[in-house]
PDB file of N, CA and C in Angstrom:
ATOM      1  N   MET A   1    -232.137 140.541 162.364  1.00  0.00           N
ATOM      2  CA  MET A   1    -230.792 140.197 162.780  1.00  0.00           C
ATOM      3  C   MET A   1    -230.866 138.782 162.436  1.00  0.00           C
ATOM      4  N   ASP A   2    -230.197 138.096 161.853  1.00  0.00           N
ATOM      5  CA  ASP A   2    -230.380 136.606 161.630  1.00  0.00           C
ATOM      6  C   ASP A   2    -229.506 135.931 162.831  1.00  0.00           C
ATOM      7  N   THR A   3    -230.041 134.840 163.467  1.00  0.00           N
ATOM      8  CA  THR A   3    -229.546 134.068 164.675  1.00  0.00           C
ATOM      9  C   THR A   3    -228.574 132.962 163.985  1.00  0.00           C
ATOM     10  N   VAL A   4    -227.116 132.788 164.604  1.00  0.00           N
ATOM     11  CA  VAL A   4    -226.035 131.968 163.873  1.00  0.00           C
ATOM     12  C   VAL A   4    -226.736 130.602 164.304  1.00  0.00           C
ATOM     13  N   LYS A   5    -226.781 129.345 163.913  1.00  0.00           N
ATOM     14  CA  LYS A   5    -226.882 128.397 164.229  1.00  0.00           C
ATOM     15  C   LYS A   5    -225.848 127.270 163.609  1.00  0.00           C
ATOM     16  N   PRO A   6    -225.487 126.115 164.581  1.00  0.00           N
ATOM     17  CA  PRO A   6    -224.714 125.141 164.449  1.00  0.00           C
ATOM     18  C   PRO A   6    -225.327 124.641 162.845  1.00  0.00           C
ATOM     19  N   VAL A   7    -224.305 123.614 162.373  1.00  0.00           N
ATOM     20  CA  VAL A   7    -224.900 123.012 161.130  1.00  0.00           C
ATOM     21  C   VAL A   7    -225.464 121.799 161.699  1.00  0.00           C
ATOM     22  N   ASP A   8    -226.273 121.405 160.973  1.00  0.00           N
ATOM     23  CA  ASP A   8    -227.289 120.330 161.134  1.00  0.00           C
ATOM     24  C   ASP A   8    -226.445 119.036 161.492  1.00  0.00           C
ATOM     25  N   GLY A   9    -226.991 118.427 162.700  1.00  0.00           N
ATOM     26  CA  GLY A   9    -225.812 117.126 162.877  1.00  0.00           C
ATOM     27  C   GLY A   9    -224.775 117.448 163.395  1.00  0.00           C
ATOM     28  N   GLU A  10    -224.390 118.568 163.900  1.00  0.00           N
ATOM     29  CA  GLU A  10    -223.084 119.089 164.686  1.00  0.00           C
ATOM     30  C   GLU A  10    -223.590 118.993 165.875  1.00  0.00           C
ATOM     31  N   THR A  11    -222.111 118.365 166.596  1.00  0.00           N
ATOM     32  CA  THR A  11    -222.014 118.401 167.920  1.00  0.00           C
ATOM     33  C   THR A  11    -221.375 119.512 168.714  1.00  0.00           C
ATOM     34  N   VAL A  12    -222.345 119.912 169.271  1.00  0.00           N
ATOM     35  CA  VAL A  12    -221.509 121.477 170.086  1.00  0.00           C
ATOM     36  C   VAL A  12    -222.276 121.882 171.444  1.00  0.00           C
ATOM     37  N   TRP A  13    -221.462 122.595 172.270  1.00  0.00           N
ATOM     38  CA  TRP A  13    -221.695 122.535 173.746  1.00  0.00           C
ATOM     39  C   TRP A  13    -222.666 123.781 173.895  1.00  0.00           C
ATOM     40  N   ILE A  14    -223.770 123.201 174.774  1.00  0.00           N
ATOM     41  CA  ILE A  14    -224.674 124.447 174.864  1.00  0.00           C
ATOM     42  C   ILE A  14    -225.115 124.522 176.175  1.00  0.00           C
ATOM     43  N   GLU A  15    -225.676 126.038 176.778  1.00  0.00           N
ATOM     44  CA  GLU A  15    -225.548 126.322 178.302  1.00  0.00           C
ATOM     45  C   GLU A  15    -227.229 126.581 178.074  1.00  0.00           C
ATOM     46  N   SER A  16    -227.340 126.073 179.644  1.00  0.00           N
ATOM     47  CA  SER A  16    -228.869 126.371 179.881  1.00  0.00           C
ATOM     48  C   SER A  16    -229.150 127.586 180.736  1.00  0.00           C
ATOM     49  N   PRO A  17    -230.451 127.843 181.013  1.00  0.00           N
ATOM     50  CA  PRO A  17    -230.509 129.437 181.437  1.00  0.00           C
ATOM     51  C   PRO A  17    -229.797 129.211 183.049  1.00  0.00           C
ATOM     52  N   GLU A  18    -230.027 127.954 183.464  1.00  0.00           N
ATOM     53  CA  GLU A  18    -229.321 127.915 184.750  1.00  0.00           C
ATOM     54  C   GLU A  18    -228.000 127.615 184.974  1.00  0.00           C
ATOM     55  N   GLY A  19    -227.368 127.384 183.950  1.00  0.00           N
ATOM     56  CA  GLY A  19    -225.768 127.349 184.141  1.00  0.00           C
ATOM     57  C   GLY A  19    -225.111 126.413 183.671  1.00  0.00           C
ATOM     58  N   ARG A  20    -226.046 125.129 183.242  1.00  0.00           N
ATOM     59  CA  ARG A  20    -225.540 123.919 183.209  1.00  0.00           C
ATOM     60  C   ARG A  20    -224.620 124.016 181.528  1.00  0.00           C
ATOM     61  N   HIS A  21    -223.771 123.254 181.344  1.00  0.00           N
ATOM     62  CA  HIS A  21    -223.159 123.458 180.144  1.00  0.00           C
ATOM     63  C   HIS A  21    -222.958 121.960 179.991  1.00  0.00           C
ATOM     64  N   MET A  22    -223.431 121.242 178.600  1.00  0.00           N
ATOM     65  CA  MET A  22    -223.533 120.229 177.934  1.00  0.00           C
ATOM     66  C   MET A  22    -223.245 119.979 176.305  1.00  0.00           C
ATOM     67  N   GLU A  23    -222.796 118.649 176.128  1.00  0.00           N
ATOM     68  CA  GLU A  23    -222.708 118.437 175.028  1.00  0.00           C
ATOM     69  C   GLU A  23    -223.841 118.141 173.850  1.00  0.00           C
ATOM     70  N   ALA A  24    -224.240 118.449 173.004  1.00  0.00           N
ATOM     71  CA  ALA A  24    -225.420 118.075 172.462  1.00  0.00           C
ATOM     72  C   ALA A  24    -225.506 118.291 170.920  1.00  0.00           C
ATOM     73  N   VAL A  25    -226.185 117.155 170.189  1.00  0.00           N
ATOM     74  CA  VAL A  25    -226.479 117.402 168.717  1.00  0.00           C
ATOM     75  C   VAL A  25    -227.516 118.100 168.340  1.00  0.00           C
ATOM     76  N   TYR A  26    -227.014 119.085 167.463  1.00  0.00           N
ATOM     77  CA  TYR A  26    -228.093 119.966 166.681  1.00  0.00           C
ATOM     78  C   TYR A  26    -228.823 119.444 165.939  1.00  0.00           C
ATOM     79  N   ASP A  27    -230.188 119.723 165.741  1.00  0.00           N
ATOM     80  CA  ASP A  27    -231.548 119.013 164.902  1.00  0.00           C
ATOM     81  C   ASP A  27    -231.767 120.340 163.960  1.00  0.00           C
ATOM     82  N   ALA A  28    -231.266 120.552 163.079  1.00  0.00           N
ATOM     83  CA  ALA A  28    -231.714 121.719 161.930  1.00  0.00           C
ATOM     84  C   ALA A  28    -233.457 121.900 162.153  1.00  0.00           C
ATOM     85  N   ARG A  29    -233.577 120.798 161.797  1.00  0.00           N
ATOM     86  CA  ARG A  29    -235.405 120.352 161.192  1.00  0.00           C
ATOM     87  C   ARG A  29    -236.066 120.937 162.223  1.00  0.00           C
ATOM     88  N   ALA A  30    -236.144 120.330 163.568  1.00  0.00           N
ATOM     89  CA  ALA A  30    -236.755 120.478 164.168  1.00  0.00           C
ATOM     90  C   ALA A  30    -235.997 121.443 165.594  1.00  0.00           C
ATOM     91  N   ASP A  31    -235.044 122.384 165.148  1.00  0.00           N
ATOM     92  CA  ASP A  31    -234.556 123.556 165.729  1.00  0.00           C
ATOM     93  C   ASP A  31    -234.209 123.397 167.459  1.00  0.00           C
ATOM     94  N   THR A  32    -233.484 121.898 167.666  1.00  0.00           N
ATOM     95  CA  THR A  32    -233.395 121.402 168.781  1.00  0.00           C
ATOM     96  C   THR A  32    -231.970 121.078 168.958  1.00  0.00           C
ATOM     97  N   TYR A  33    -231.386 121.044 170.324  1.00  0.00           N
ATOM     98  CA  TYR A  33    -230.358 120.289 170.718  1.00  0.00           C
ATOM     99  C   TYR A  33    -230.846 119.161 171.437  1.00  0.00           C
ATOM    100  N   THR A  34    -229.933 117.981 171.572  1.00  0.00           N
ATOM    101  CA  THR A  34    -230.316 116.548 172.162  1.00  0.00           C
ATOM    102  C   THR A  34    -228.965 116.332 172.942  1.00  0.00           C
ATOM    103  N   PRO A  35    -228.955 116.620 174.178  1.00  0.00           N
ATOM    104  CA  PRO A  35    -227.932 115.944 174.781  1.00  0.00           C
ATOM    105  C   PRO A  35    -227.767 114.733 174.805  1.00  0.00           C
ATOM    106  N   HIS A  36    -226.720 114.020 175.528  1.00  0.00           N
ATOM    107  CA  HIS A  36    -225.932 112.472 175.294  1.00  0.00           C
ATOM    108  C   HIS A  36    -227.903 111.796 175.976  1.00  0.00           C
ATOM    109  N   ASP A  37    -227.903 112.352 177.133  1.00  0.00           N
ATOM    110  CA  ASP A  37    -229.366 111.893 178.011  1.00  0.00           C
ATOM    111  C   ASP A  37    -230.762 111.417 176.804  1.00  0.00           C
ATOM    112  N   GLY A  38    -230.547 112.172 176.047  1.00  0.00           N
ATOM    113  CA  GLY A  38    -231.554 111.982 174.954  1.00  0.00           C
ATOM    114  C   GLY A  38    -232.979 112.931 174.939  1.00  0.00           C
ATOM    115  N   HIS A  39    -232.826 113.872 175.676  1.00  0.00           N
ATOM    116  CA  HIS A  39    -234.217 114.501 175.571  1.00  0.00           C
ATOM    117  C   HIS A  39    -233.816 115.522 174.831  1.00  0.00           C
ATOM    118  N   PRO A  40    -234.243 116.035 173.724  1.00  0.00           N
ATOM    119  CA  PRO A  40    -234.249 117.233 173.167  1.00  0.00           C
ATOM    120  C   PRO A  40    -234.895 118.367 173.751  1.00  0.00           C
ATOM    121  N   ILE A  41    -233.917 119.559 173.535  1.00  0.00           N
ATOM    122  CA  ILE A  41    -234.262 120.989 174.193  1.00  0.00           C
ATOM    123  C   ILE A  41    -234.298 121.678 173.030  1.00  0.00           C
ATOM    124  N   ALA A  42    -235.581 122.876 173.245  1.00  0.00           N
ATOM    125  CA  ALA A  42    -235.712 123.709 171.744  1.00  0.00           C
ATOM    126  C   ALA A  42    -234.747 124.758 172.095  1.00  0.00           C
ATOM    127  N   ALA A  43    -234.002 125.070 170.695  1.00  0.00           N
ATOM    128  CA  ALA A  43    -233.275 125.888 170.802  1.00  0.00           C
ATOM    129  C   ALA A  43    -233.408 127.260 171.445  1.00  0.00           C
ATOM    130  N   LYS A  44    -234.722 127.896 171.651  1.00  0.00           N
ATOM    131  CA  LYS A  44    -234.940 128.877 172.342  1.00  0.00           C
ATOM    132  C   LYS A  44    -234.982 128.818 173.700  1.00  0.00           C
ATOM    133  N   ASP A  45    -235.001 127.605 174.282  1.00  0.00           N
ATOM    134  CA  ASP A  45    -234.526 127.336 175.257  1.00  0.00           C
ATOM    135  C   ASP A  45    -233.401 127.301 175.774  1.00  0.00           C
ATOM    136  N   ILE A  46    -232.430 127.409 175.007  1.00  0.00           N
ATOM    137  CA  ILE A  46    -230.884 127.540 175.813  1.00  0.00           C
ATOM    138  C   ILE A  46    -230.140 128.777 176.001  1.00  0.00           C
ATOM    139  N   ALA A  47    -229.674 128.951 176.315  1.00  0.00           N
ATOM    140  CA  ALA A  47    -228.684 130.366 176.578  1.00  0.00           C
ATOM    141  C   ALA A  47    -227.649 130.715 175.887  1.00  0.00           C
ATOM    142  N   ASN A  48    -227.071 129.570 175.359  1.00  0.00           N
ATOM    143  CA  ASN A  48    -226.068 129.933 174.440  1.00  0.00           C
ATOM    144  C   ASN A  48    -225.381 128.579 173.693  1.00  0.00           C
ATOM    145  N   TRP A  49    -224.586 128.640 172.693  1.00  0.00           N
ATOM    146  CA  TRP A  49    -223.901 127.207 172.252  1.00  0.00           C
ATOM    147  C   TRP A  49    -222.490 127.865 171.506  1.00  0.00           C
ATOM    148  N   SER A  50    -221.828 126.964 171.825  1.00  0.00           N
ATOM    149  CA  SER A  50    -220.116 127.365 171.643  1.00  0.00           C
ATOM    150  C   SER A  50    -219.757 125.903 170.750  1.00  0.00           C
ATOM    151  N   ARG A  51    -218.734 125.950 169.788  1.00  0.00           N
ATOM    152  CA  ARG A  51    -217.933 125.187 169.541  1.00  0.00           C
ATOM    153  C   ARG A  51    -216.466 124.701 170.422  1.00  0.00           C
ATOM    154  N   GLN A  52    -216.571 125.537 171.212  1.00  0.00           N
ATOM    155  CA  GLN A  52    -215.320 125.756 171.759  1.00  0.00           C
ATOM    156  C   GLN A  52    -214.819 125.391 173.086  1.00  0.00           C
ATOM    157  N   GLU A  53    -216.161 124.648 173.698  1.00  0.00           N
ATOM    158  CA  GLU A  53    -216.314 124.324 175.280  1.00  0.00           C
ATOM    159  C   GLU A  53    -215.425 123.203 175.203  1.00  0.00           C
ATOM    160  N   HIS A  54    -214.949 122.308 176.476  1.00  0.00           N
ATOM    161  CA  HIS A  54    -214.307 121.342 176.362  1.00  0.00           C
ATOM    162  C   HIS A  54    -214.544 120.580 177.825  1.00  0.00           C
ATOM    163  N   GLU A  55    -215.373 120.786 178.724  1.00  0.00           N
ATOM    164  CA  GLU A  55    -215.806 119.799 179.886  1.00  0.00           C
ATOM    165  C   GLU A  55    -217.021 120.189 180.033  1.00  0.00           C
ATOM    166  N   ASN A  56    -218.179 119.616 180.832  1.00  0.00           N
ATOM    167  CA  ASN A  56    -219.554 119.537 181.350  1.00  0.00           C
ATOM    168  C   ASN A  56    -219.036 120.183 182.435  1.00  0.00           C
ATOM    169  N   THR A  57    -220.155 120.925 183.028  1.00  0.00           N
ATOM    170  CA  THR A  57    -219.761 122.075 183.886  1.00  0.00           C
ATOM    171  C   THR A  57    -221.174 122.227 184.773  1.00  0.00           C
ATOM    172  N   ASP A  58    -221.242 122.867 185.861  1.00  0.00           N
ATOM    173  CA  ASP A  58    -222.670 123.031 186.643  1.00  0.00           C
ATOM    174  C   ASP A  58    -222.279 124.514 187.386  1.00  0.00           C
ATOM    175  N   ILE A  59    -222.803 125.563 186.585  1.00  0.00           N
ATOM    176  CA  ILE A  59    -222.535 126.615 187.654  1.00  0.00           C
ATOM    177  C   ILE A  59    -223.777 127.461 187.807  1.00  0.00           C
ATOM    178  N   SER A  60    -225.055 126.326 187.899  1.00  0.00           N
ATOM    179  CA  SER A  60    -226.188 126.707 188.761  1.00  0.00           C
ATOM    180  C   SER A  60    -225.943 127.322 190.135  1.00  0.00           C
ATOM    181  N   ASP A  61    -227.289 128.271 190.457  1.00  0.00           N
ATOM    182  CA  ASP A  61    -227.276 128.670 191.864  1.00  0.00           C
ATOM    183  C   ASP A  61    -227.195 127.962 193.033  1.00  0.00           C
ATOM    184  N   ASP A  62    -227.183 126.649 192.788  1.00  0.00           N
ATOM    185  CA  ASP A  62    -226.867 125.714 194.035  1.00  0.00           C
ATOM    186  C   ASP A  62    -225.481 124.883 193.623  1.00  0.00           C
ATOM    187  N   PRO A  63    -224.552 125.425 194.447  1.00  0.00           N
ATOM    188  CA  PRO A  63    -223.320 125.218 193.989  1.00  0.00           C
ATOM    189  C   PRO A  63    -222.956 123.779 194.460  1.00  0.00           C
ATOM    190  N   SER A  64    -223.836 123.512 195.253  1.00  0.00           N
ATOM    191  CA  SER A  64    -223.432 121.941 196.106  1.00  0.00           C
ATOM    192  C   SER A  64    -224.260 120.937 195.492  1.00  0.00           C
ATOM    193  N   GLU A  65    -225.010 121.454 194.260  1.00  0.00           N
ATOM    194  CA  GLU A  65    -225.821 120.160 193.281  1.00  0.00           C
ATOM    195  C   GLU A  65    -225.179 120.089 191.899  1.00  0.00           C
ATOM    196  N   ALA A  66    -224.342 118.952 191.909  1.00  0.00           N
ATOM    197  CA  ALA A  66    -223.672 118.722 190.614  1.00  0.00           C
ATOM    198  C   ALA A  66    -224.720 118.152 189.447  1.00  0.00           C
ATOM    199  N   ILE A  67    -224.645 118.427 188.299  1.00  0.00           N
ATOM    200  CA  ILE A  67    -225.679 118.281 186.997  1.00  0.00           C
ATOM    201  C   ILE A  67    -224.814 117.936 186.082  1.00  0.00           C
ATOM    202  N   ARG A  68    -224.789 116.675 185.724  1.00  0.00           N
ATOM    203  CA  ARG A  68    -223.975 116.278 184.650  1.00  0.00           C
ATOM    204  C   ARG A  68    -222.623 116.803 184.413  1.00  0.00           C
ATOM    205  N   GLY A  69    -222.030 116.791 185.716  1.00  0.00           N
ATOM    206  CA  GLY A  69    -220.458 117.564 185.476  1.00  0.00           C
ATOM    207  C   GLY A  69    -219.963 117.953 187.024  1.00  0.00           C
ATOM    208  N   LYS A  70    -218.879 118.661 186.786  1.00  0.00           N
ATOM    209  CA  LYS A  70    -218.292 118.962 188.101  1.00  0.00           C
ATOM    210  C   LYS A  70    -218.606 120.199 188.503  1.00  0.00           C
ATOM    211  N   LEU A  71    -218.696 120.665 189.827  1.00  0.00           N
ATOM    212  CA  LEU A  71    -218.915 121.783 189.990  1.00  0.00           C
ATOM    213  C   LEU A  71    -217.740 122.983 189.603  1.00  0.00           C
ATOM    214  N   THR A  72    -217.878 124.034 189.154  1.00  0.00           N
ATOM    215  CA  THR A  72    -216.713 125.079 188.632  1.00  0.00           C
ATOM    216  C   THR A  72    -216.626 126.359 189.842  1.00  0.00           C
ATOM    217  N   ARG A  73    -216.857 126.089 190.999  1.00  0.00           N
ATOM    218  CA  ARG A  73    -216.586 126.751 192.339  1.00  0.00           C
ATOM    219  C   ARG A  73    -216.751 126.431 193.502  1.00  0.00           C
ATOM    220  N   ASP A  74    -215.866 126.782 194.626  1.00  0.00           N
ATOM    221  CA  ASP A  74    -215.606 126.168 195.913  1.00  0.00           C
ATOM    222  C   ASP A  74    -216.356 126.262 196.644  1.00  0.00           C
TER     223      ASP A  74
END
């Protein structure tokens, strides 16, 4: 089964395995996503990507630690 990927240069929302959501630009040649912090993340290291997200969130295991966004739970 082929994996669906974004279009080269497209800005999408990615989800890290830790639960962080952030906006990133996809680079098809390198097969990486580059968030605004400038550090590319290999496509194999992200949990999911979407064109539909709308805000940065952190749903990591430590709800007291806000990483690039707001907490999504009380």
